[in-house]
PDB file of N, CA and C in Angstrom:
ATOM      1  N   UNK A   1      85.466 107.545  72.720  1.00  0.00           N
ATOM      2  CA  UNK A   1      85.917 107.022  73.987  1.00  0.00           C
ATOM      3  C   UNK A   1      84.850 106.118  74.611  1.00  0.00           C
ATOM      4  N   UNK A   2      83.600 106.344  74.292  1.00  0.00           N
ATOM      5  CA  UNK A   2      82.535 105.489  74.826  1.00  0.00           C
ATOM      6  C   UNK A   2      82.671 104.070  74.281  1.00  0.00           C
ATOM      7  N   UNK A   3      83.048 103.947  73.007  1.00  0.00           N
ATOM      8  CA  UNK A   3      83.258 102.626  72.424  1.00  0.00           C
ATOM      9  C   UNK A   3      84.414 101.914  73.130  1.00  0.00           C
ATOM     10  N   UNK A   4      85.478 102.670  73.443  1.00  0.00           N
ATOM     11  CA  UNK A   4      86.616 102.095  74.172  1.00  0.00           C
ATOM     12  C   UNK A   4      86.156 101.510  75.498  1.00  0.00           C
ATOM     13  N   UNK A   5      85.382 102.292  76.233  1.00  0.00           N
ATOM     14  CA  UNK A   5      84.887 101.833  77.538  1.00  0.00           C
ATOM     15  C   UNK A   5      84.049 100.571  77.389  1.00  0.00           C
ATOM     16  N   UNK A   6      83.216 100.528  76.368  1.00  0.00           N
ATOM     17  CA  UNK A   6      82.387  99.344  76.119  1.00  0.00           C
ATOM     18  C   UNK A   6      83.261  98.118  75.864  1.00  0.00           C
ATOM     19  N   UNK A   7      84.296  98.273  75.051  1.00  0.00           N
ATOM     20  CA  UNK A   7      85.197  97.153  74.754  1.00  0.00           C
ATOM     21  C   UNK A   7      85.937  96.688  76.007  1.00  0.00           C
ATOM     22  N   UNK A   8      86.376  97.614  76.821  1.00  0.00           N
ATOM     23  CA  UNK A   8      87.065  97.275  78.071  1.00  0.00           C
ATOM     24  C   UNK A   8      86.115  96.518  78.993  1.00  0.00           C
ATOM     25  N   UNK A   9      84.881  96.989  79.104  1.00  0.00           N
ATOM     26  CA  UNK A   9      83.883  96.314  79.943  1.00  0.00           C
ATOM     27  C   UNK A   9      83.598  94.902  79.459  1.00  0.00           C
ATOM     28  N   UNK A  10      83.478  94.718  78.136  1.00  0.00           N
ATOM     29  CA  UNK A  10      83.260  93.375  77.588  1.00  0.00           C
ATOM     30  C   UNK A  10      84.428  92.449  77.927  1.00  0.00           C
ATOM     31  N   UNK A  11      85.629  92.952  77.764  1.00  0.00           N
ATOM     32  CA  UNK A  11      86.816  92.146  78.038  1.00  0.00           C
ATOM     33  C   UNK A  11      86.896  91.752  79.511  1.00  0.00           C
ATOM     34  N   UNK A  12      86.700  92.704  80.404  1.00  0.00           N
ATOM     35  CA  UNK A  12      86.800  92.396  81.832  1.00  0.00           C
ATOM     36  C   UNK A  12      85.680  91.456  82.282  1.00  0.00           C
ATOM     37  N   UNK A  13      84.484  91.612  81.732  1.00  0.00           N
ATOM     38  CA  UNK A  13      83.382  90.705  82.059  1.00  0.00           C
ATOM     39  C   UNK A  13      83.695  89.288  81.588  1.00  0.00           C
ATOM     40  N   UNK A  14      84.208  89.156  80.372  1.00  0.00           N
ATOM     41  CA  UNK A  14      84.578  87.848  79.834  1.00  0.00           C
ATOM     42  C   UNK A  14      85.672  87.199  80.692  1.00  0.00           C
ATOM     43  N   UNK A  15      86.689  87.977  81.046  1.00  0.00           N
ATOM     44  CA  UNK A  15      87.761  87.451  81.887  1.00  0.00           C
ATOM     45  C   UNK A  15      87.235  87.002  83.245  1.00  0.00           C
ATOM     46  N   UNK A  16      86.334  87.766  83.807  1.00  0.00           N
ATOM     47  CA  UNK A  16      85.774  87.409  85.106  1.00  0.00           C
ATOM     48  C   UNK A  16      85.016  86.083  85.028  1.00  0.00           C
ATOM     49  N   UNK A  17      84.269  85.866  83.963  1.00  0.00           N
ATOM     50  CA  UNK A  17      83.546  84.603  83.783  1.00  0.00           C
ATOM     51  C   UNK A  17      84.521  83.432  83.684  1.00  0.00           C
ATOM     52  N   UNK A  18      85.619  83.632  82.969  1.00  0.00           N
ATOM     53  CA  UNK A  18      86.622  82.566  82.871  1.00  0.00           C
ATOM     54  C   UNK A  18      87.283  82.292  84.220  1.00  0.00           C
ATOM     55  N   UNK A  19      87.565  83.344  84.967  1.00  0.00           N
ATOM     56  CA  UNK A  19      88.153  83.173  86.293  1.00  0.00           C
ATOM     57  C   UNK A  19      87.169  82.495  87.244  1.00  0.00           C
ATOM     58  N   UNK A  20      85.890  82.843  87.141  1.00  0.00           N
ATOM     59  CA  UNK A  20      84.862  82.198  87.967  1.00  0.00           C
ATOM     60  C   UNK A  20      84.750  80.704  87.660  1.00  0.00           C
ATOM     61  N   UNK A  21      85.103  80.344  86.418  1.00  0.00           N
ATOM     62  CA  UNK A  21      85.079  78.938  86.002  1.00  0.00           C
ATOM     63  C   UNK A  21      86.354  78.202  86.426  1.00  0.00           C
ATOM     64  N   UNK A  22      87.266  78.901  87.081  1.00  0.00           N
ATOM     65  CA  UNK A  22      88.453  78.256  87.609  1.00  0.00           C
ATOM     66  C   UNK A  22      89.742  78.469  86.834  1.00  0.00           C
ATOM     67  N   UNK A  23      89.709  79.264  85.799  1.00  0.00           N
ATOM     68  CA  UNK A  23      90.930  79.524  85.028  1.00  0.00           C
ATOM     69  C   UNK A  23      91.764  80.623  85.686  1.00  0.00           C
ATOM     70  N   UNK A  24      93.063  80.444  85.669  1.00  0.00           N
ATOM     71  CA  UNK A  24      93.985  81.452  86.186  1.00  0.00           C
ATOM     72  C   UNK A  24      94.504  82.247  84.992  1.00  0.00           C
ATOM     73  N   UNK A  25      94.020  83.452  84.822  1.00  0.00           N
ATOM     74  CA  UNK A  25      94.347  84.250  83.641  1.00  0.00           C
ATOM     75  C   UNK A  25      95.413  85.294  83.925  1.00  0.00           C
ATOM     76  N   UNK A  26      96.156  85.613  82.901  1.00  0.00           N
ATOM     77  CA  UNK A  26      97.022  86.790  82.866  1.00  0.00           C
ATOM     78  C   UNK A  26      96.412  87.684  81.798  1.00  0.00           C
ATOM     79  N   UNK A  27      95.944  88.850  82.201  1.00  0.00           N
ATOM     80  CA  UNK A  27      95.198  89.725  81.289  1.00  0.00           C
ATOM     81  C   UNK A  27      96.074  90.817  80.712  1.00  0.00           C
ATOM     82  N   UNK A  28      95.817  91.111  79.430  1.00  0.00           N
ATOM     83  CA  UNK A  28      96.583  92.119  78.705  1.00  0.00           C
ATOM     84  C   UNK A  28      95.680  92.728  77.637  1.00  0.00           C
ATOM     85  N   UNK A  29      95.555  94.033  77.632  1.00  0.00           N
ATOM     86  CA  UNK A  29      94.720  94.649  76.594  1.00  0.00           C
ATOM     87  C   UNK A  29      95.174  96.057  76.230  1.00  0.00           C
ATOM     88  N   UNK A  30      96.419  96.408  76.556  1.00  0.00           N
ATOM     89  CA  UNK A  30      96.804  97.779  76.230  1.00  0.00           C
ATOM     90  C   UNK A  30      98.302  97.934  76.003  1.00  0.00           C
ATOM     91  N   UNK A  31      98.611  99.026  75.344  1.00  0.00           N
ATOM     92  CA  UNK A  31     100.000  99.456  75.217  1.00  0.00           C
ATOM     93  C   UNK A  31     100.200 100.614  76.205  1.00  0.00           C
ATOM     94  N   UNK A  32     101.429 101.020  76.405  1.00  0.00           N
ATOM     95  CA  UNK A  32     101.712 102.045  77.410  1.00  0.00           C
ATOM     96  C   UNK A  32     101.004 103.368  77.120  1.00  0.00           C
ATOM     97  N   UNK A  33     100.845 103.739  75.860  1.00  0.00           N
ATOM     98  CA  UNK A  33     100.196 105.008  75.529  1.00  0.00           C
ATOM     99  C   UNK A  33      98.712 104.999  75.921  1.00  0.00           C
ATOM    100  N   UNK A  34      98.040 103.896  75.742  1.00  0.00           N
ATOM    101  CA  UNK A  34      96.605 103.812  76.066  1.00  0.00           C
ATOM    102  C   UNK A  34      96.362 103.917  77.566  1.00  0.00           C
ATOM    103  N   UNK A  35      97.312 103.499  78.379  1.00  0.00           N
ATOM    104  CA  UNK A  35      97.110 103.586  79.826  1.00  0.00           C
ATOM    105  C   UNK A  35      96.956 105.030  80.291  1.00  0.00           C
ATOM    106  N   UNK A  36      97.407 105.977  79.492  1.00  0.00           N
ATOM    107  CA  UNK A  36      97.213 107.385  79.828  1.00  0.00           C
ATOM    108  C   UNK A  36      95.755 107.802  79.644  1.00  0.00           C
ATOM    109  N   UNK A  37      95.094 107.233  78.650  1.00  0.00           N
ATOM    110  CA  UNK A  37      93.684 107.537  78.397  1.00  0.00           C
ATOM    111  C   UNK A  37      92.739 106.672  79.227  1.00  0.00           C
ATOM    112  N   UNK A  38      93.127 105.412  79.407  1.00  0.00           N
ATOM    113  CA  UNK A  38      92.275 104.440  80.105  1.00  0.00           C
ATOM    114  C   UNK A  38      93.102 103.684  81.152  1.00  0.00           C
ATOM    115  N   UNK A  39      93.306 104.271  82.324  1.00  0.00           N
ATOM    116  CA  UNK A  39      94.122 103.612  83.345  1.00  0.00           C
ATOM    117  C   UNK A  39      93.564 102.249  83.768  1.00  0.00           C
ATOM    118  N   UNK A  40      92.281 102.033  83.574  1.00  0.00           N
ATOM    119  CA  UNK A  40      91.686 100.742  83.934  1.00  0.00           C
ATOM    120  C   UNK A  40      92.191  99.614  83.048  1.00  0.00           C
ATOM    121  N   UNK A  41      92.878  99.947  81.967  1.00  0.00           N
ATOM    122  CA  UNK A  41      93.455  98.934  81.074  1.00  0.00           C
ATOM    123  C   UNK A  41      94.765  98.369  81.611  1.00  0.00           C
ATOM    124  N   UNK A  42      95.295  98.957  82.642  1.00  0.00           N
ATOM    125  CA  UNK A  42      96.543  98.450  83.231  1.00  0.00           C
ATOM    126  C   UNK A  42      96.217  97.191  84.016  1.00  0.00           C
ATOM    127  N   UNK A  43      96.339  96.082  83.372  1.00  0.00           N
ATOM    128  CA  UNK A  43      95.981  94.807  83.998  1.00  0.00           C
ATOM    129  C   UNK A  43      97.258  94.087  84.416  1.00  0.00           C
ATOM    130  N   UNK A  44      97.480  92.883  83.943  1.00  0.00           N
ATOM    131  CA  UNK A  44      98.661  92.117  84.339  1.00  0.00           C
ATOM    132  C   UNK A  44      99.896  92.472  83.521  1.00  0.00           C
ATOM    133  N   UNK A  45      99.702  92.857  82.277  1.00  0.00           N
ATOM    134  CA  UNK A  45     100.804  93.200  81.385  1.00  0.00           C
ATOM    135  C   UNK A  45     100.441  94.443  80.579  1.00  0.00           C
ATOM    136  N   UNK A  46     101.464  95.200  80.191  1.00  0.00           N
ATOM    137  CA  UNK A  46     101.288  96.353  79.306  1.00  0.00           C
ATOM    138  C   UNK A  46     102.386  96.281  78.249  1.00  0.00           C
ATOM    139  N   UNK A  47     102.000  96.421  76.986  1.00  0.00           N
ATOM    140  CA  UNK A  47     103.003  96.477  75.921  1.00  0.00           C
ATOM    141  C   UNK A  47     103.693  97.836  75.954  1.00  0.00           C
ATOM    142  N   UNK A  48     104.979  97.824  75.993  1.00  0.00           N
ATOM    143  CA  UNK A  48     105.724  99.084  75.945  1.00  0.00           C
ATOM    144  C   UNK A  48     105.699  99.575  74.504  1.00  0.00           C
ATOM    145  N   UNK A  49     105.289 100.812  74.329  1.00  0.00           N
ATOM    146  CA  UNK A  49     105.214 101.381  72.975  1.00  0.00           C
ATOM    147  C   UNK A  49     105.840 102.767  72.988  1.00  0.00           C
ATOM    148  N   UNK A  50     105.108 103.751  72.575  1.00  0.00           N
ATOM    149  CA  UNK A  50     105.651 105.096  72.387  1.00  0.00           C
ATOM    150  C   UNK A  50     105.897 105.865  73.683  1.00  0.00           C
ATOM    151  N   UNK A  51     105.240 105.519  74.750  1.00  0.00           N
ATOM    152  CA  UNK A  51     105.330 106.310  75.989  1.00  0.00           C
ATOM    153  C   UNK A  51     106.763 106.499  76.504  1.00  0.00           C
ATOM    154  N   UNK A  52     107.614 105.463  76.539  1.00  0.00           N
ATOM    155  CA  UNK A  52     108.975 105.677  77.040  1.00  0.00           C
ATOM    156  C   UNK A  52     109.783 106.670  76.194  1.00  0.00           C
ATOM    157  N   UNK A  53     109.361 106.872  74.971  1.00  0.00           N
ATOM    158  CA  UNK A  53     110.061 107.786  74.071  1.00  0.00           C
ATOM    159  C   UNK A  53     109.482 109.191  74.117  1.00  0.00           C
ATOM    160  N   UNK A  54     108.459 109.398  74.944  1.00  0.00           N
ATOM    161  CA  UNK A  54     107.852 110.707  75.089  1.00  0.00           C
ATOM    162  C   UNK A  54     106.903 111.069  73.962  1.00  0.00           C
ATOM    163  N   UNK A  55     106.427 110.076  73.236  1.00  0.00           N
ATOM    164  CA  UNK A  55     105.506 110.348  72.116  1.00  0.00           C
ATOM    165  C   UNK A  55     104.071 110.258  72.552  1.00  0.00           C
TER     166      UNK A  55
END
């Protein structure tokens, strides 16, 4: 889980730099199941996967 957090931090830092440079981003880095483990991944979009099926 520590590696996951590191990857999320890298992604959000990179996105912030792009936004600071004037880009309007739509961020996406998770499926619905991952949002249960890492709620901070709920950004602009979430891929619907196993969660609606109760898996």
